[in-house]
Amino acid sequence: MSEMIYGIHAVQALLERDPQRFLEVFVMKGREDRRLMPLIAELEQMGHCDSSCKPSVAG
């Protein structure tokens, strides 16, 4: 069963507790702030995020 998790705090909490639950990551286009970019970097390191989840290309 799939469920959608949204919001920076919810994603951070899930990433800390159970990072294997991530299937896909979507980021709103144009969203590139100080809170989001470190989260994307951590998701990339864990293999949960590639160039398609970066705000400059996601749609």
N, C-alpha and C. Protein backbone atom coordinates (compact mmCIF):
# COMPACT_ATOMS: atom_id res chain seq x y z
N MET A 1 0.84 -1.17 0.00
CA MET A 1 0.00 0.00 0.00
C MET A 1 0.88 1.24 0.00
N SER A 2 0.52 2.21 -0.79
CA SER A 2 1.29 3.46 -0.89
C SER A 2 0.56 4.57 -0.14
N GLU A 3 1.32 5.47 0.39
CA GLU A 3 0.75 6.67 0.99
C GLU A 3 1.65 7.84 0.65
N MET A 4 1.04 9.01 0.56
CA MET A 4 1.80 10.20 0.24
C MET A 4 2.13 10.94 1.53
N ILE A 5 3.37 11.33 1.63
CA ILE A 5 3.85 12.13 2.75
C ILE A 5 4.26 13.47 2.16
N TYR A 6 3.82 14.56 2.74
CA TYR A 6 4.21 15.86 2.20
C TYR A 6 4.53 16.82 3.32
N GLY A 7 5.37 17.77 3.00
CA GLY A 7 5.82 18.76 3.97
C GLY A 7 7.23 18.44 4.43
N ILE A 8 8.01 19.48 4.61
CA ILE A 8 9.41 19.31 4.98
C ILE A 8 9.57 18.54 6.29
N HIS A 9 8.80 18.89 7.30
CA HIS A 9 8.96 18.24 8.61
C HIS A 9 8.56 16.77 8.56
N ALA A 10 7.49 16.46 7.86
CA ALA A 10 7.04 15.06 7.75
C ALA A 10 8.07 14.22 6.99
N VAL A 11 8.63 14.78 5.93
CA VAL A 11 9.64 14.06 5.15
C VAL A 11 10.90 13.86 5.98
N GLN A 12 11.32 14.89 6.71
CA GLN A 12 12.50 14.75 7.57
C GLN A 12 12.30 13.67 8.62
N ALA A 13 11.13 13.64 9.24
CA ALA A 13 10.86 12.65 10.28
C ALA A 13 10.89 11.24 9.71
N LEU A 14 10.27 11.04 8.55
CA LEU A 14 10.27 9.72 7.94
C LEU A 14 11.68 9.32 7.50
N LEU A 15 12.44 10.26 7.01
CA LEU A 15 13.80 9.99 6.58
C LEU A 15 14.65 9.52 7.77
N GLU A 16 14.41 10.07 8.94
CA GLU A 16 15.15 9.67 10.13
C GLU A 16 14.70 8.30 10.65
N ARG A 17 13.40 8.03 10.60
CA ARG A 17 12.87 6.80 11.18
C ARG A 17 12.88 5.60 10.24
N ASP A 18 12.50 5.80 8.98
CA ASP A 18 12.32 4.66 8.08
C ASP A 18 12.59 5.07 6.63
N PRO A 19 13.84 5.36 6.28
CA PRO A 19 14.15 5.87 4.94
C PRO A 19 13.85 4.89 3.81
N GLN A 20 13.70 3.61 4.11
CA GLN A 20 13.42 2.63 3.06
C GLN A 20 12.00 2.77 2.52
N ARG A 21 11.14 3.49 3.20
CA ARG A 21 9.75 3.65 2.75
C ARG A 21 9.61 4.59 1.57
N PHE A 22 10.64 5.36 1.24
CA PHE A 22 10.55 6.29 0.12
C PHE A 22 10.57 5.53 -1.20
N LEU A 23 9.62 5.83 -2.06
CA LEU A 23 9.59 5.28 -3.41
C LEU A 23 9.93 6.36 -4.43
N GLU A 24 9.30 7.51 -4.30
CA GLU A 24 9.54 8.64 -5.19
C GLU A 24 9.52 9.92 -4.37
N VAL A 25 10.23 10.92 -4.88
CA VAL A 25 10.26 12.22 -4.22
C VAL A 25 9.92 13.28 -5.26
N PHE A 26 8.97 14.14 -4.93
CA PHE A 26 8.59 15.23 -5.81
C PHE A 26 8.81 16.54 -5.06
N VAL A 27 9.31 17.54 -5.77
CA VAL A 27 9.55 18.85 -5.18
C VAL A 27 8.90 19.89 -6.08
N MET A 28 8.22 20.85 -5.46
CA MET A 28 7.55 21.89 -6.22
C MET A 28 8.57 22.72 -7.01
N LYS A 29 8.29 22.92 -8.27
CA LYS A 29 9.19 23.68 -9.14
C LYS A 29 9.38 25.09 -8.58
N GLY A 30 10.63 25.53 -8.57
CA GLY A 30 10.96 26.86 -8.09
C GLY A 30 11.23 26.94 -6.60
N ARG A 31 11.10 25.84 -5.90
CA ARG A 31 11.32 25.83 -4.45
C ARG A 31 12.77 25.48 -4.17
N GLU A 32 13.55 26.47 -3.81
CA GLU A 32 14.98 26.26 -3.53
C GLU A 32 15.38 27.09 -2.32
N ASP A 33 14.94 26.70 -1.14
CA ASP A 33 15.27 27.48 0.04
C ASP A 33 16.24 26.74 0.96
N ARG A 34 16.65 27.41 2.02
CA ARG A 34 17.67 26.86 2.94
C ARG A 34 17.22 25.59 3.64
N ARG A 35 15.93 25.43 3.89
CA ARG A 35 15.45 24.23 4.58
C ARG A 35 15.34 23.04 3.63
N LEU A 36 15.05 23.30 2.39
CA LEU A 36 14.79 22.21 1.45
C LEU A 36 16.06 21.61 0.86
N MET A 37 17.03 22.43 0.51
CA MET A 37 18.21 21.93 -0.19
C MET A 37 19.01 20.90 0.62
N PRO A 38 19.21 21.07 1.94
CA PRO A 38 19.89 20.01 2.69
C PRO A 38 19.10 18.70 2.72
N LEU A 39 17.78 18.80 2.74
CA LEU A 39 16.94 17.61 2.71
C LEU A 39 17.10 16.87 1.39
N ILE A 40 17.12 17.60 0.29
CA ILE A 40 17.33 16.97 -1.03
C ILE A 40 18.71 16.33 -1.08
N ALA A 41 19.72 17.00 -0.54
CA ALA A 41 21.07 16.43 -0.54
C ALA A 41 21.11 15.11 0.25
N GLU A 42 20.41 15.06 1.38
CA GLU A 42 20.38 13.83 2.17
C GLU A 42 19.64 12.72 1.43
N LEU A 43 18.54 13.06 0.78
CA LEU A 43 17.80 12.07 -0.01
C LEU A 43 18.67 11.53 -1.15
N GLU A 44 19.45 12.41 -1.78
CA GLU A 44 20.35 11.98 -2.86
C GLU A 44 21.40 11.01 -2.33
N GLN A 45 21.99 11.31 -1.18
CA GLN A 45 23.02 10.44 -0.60
C GLN A 45 22.47 9.05 -0.29
N MET A 46 21.21 8.98 0.07
CA MET A 46 20.60 7.70 0.41
C MET A 46 20.03 7.00 -0.82
N GLY A 47 20.14 7.64 -1.98
CA GLY A 47 19.66 7.02 -3.21
C GLY A 47 18.17 7.16 -3.45
N HIS A 48 17.51 8.10 -2.76
CA HIS A 48 16.08 8.28 -2.90
C HIS A 48 15.71 9.44 -3.81
N CYS A 49 16.70 10.12 -4.33
CA CYS A 49 16.42 11.34 -5.09
C CYS A 49 17.46 11.46 -6.20
N ASP A 50 17.00 11.75 -7.40
CA ASP A 50 17.93 12.02 -8.49
C ASP A 50 17.61 13.39 -9.06
N SER A 51 18.08 13.70 -10.24
CA SER A 51 17.86 15.03 -10.81
C SER A 51 16.39 15.34 -11.02
N SER A 52 15.54 14.33 -11.10
CA SER A 52 14.12 14.58 -11.33
C SER A 52 13.42 15.15 -10.10
N CYS A 53 14.00 15.06 -8.93
CA CYS A 53 13.34 15.61 -7.75
C CYS A 53 13.89 16.97 -7.36
N LYS A 54 14.80 17.51 -8.15
CA LYS A 54 15.33 18.83 -7.85
C LYS A 54 14.31 19.89 -8.27
N PRO A 55 14.17 20.95 -7.49
CA PRO A 55 13.14 21.95 -7.77
C PRO A 55 13.25 22.60 -9.13
N SER A 56 14.44 22.71 -9.69
CA SER A 56 14.60 23.41 -10.96
C SER A 56 14.06 22.60 -12.14
N VAL A 57 13.86 21.29 -11.98
CA VAL A 57 13.37 20.48 -13.09
C VAL A 57 12.07 19.76 -12.80
N ALA A 58 11.66 19.68 -11.53
CA ALA A 58 10.42 18.97 -11.20
C ALA A 58 9.22 19.80 -11.60
N GLY A 59 8.14 19.14 -11.94
CA GLY A 59 6.96 19.89 -12.34
C GLY A 59 5.77 19.32 -11.85
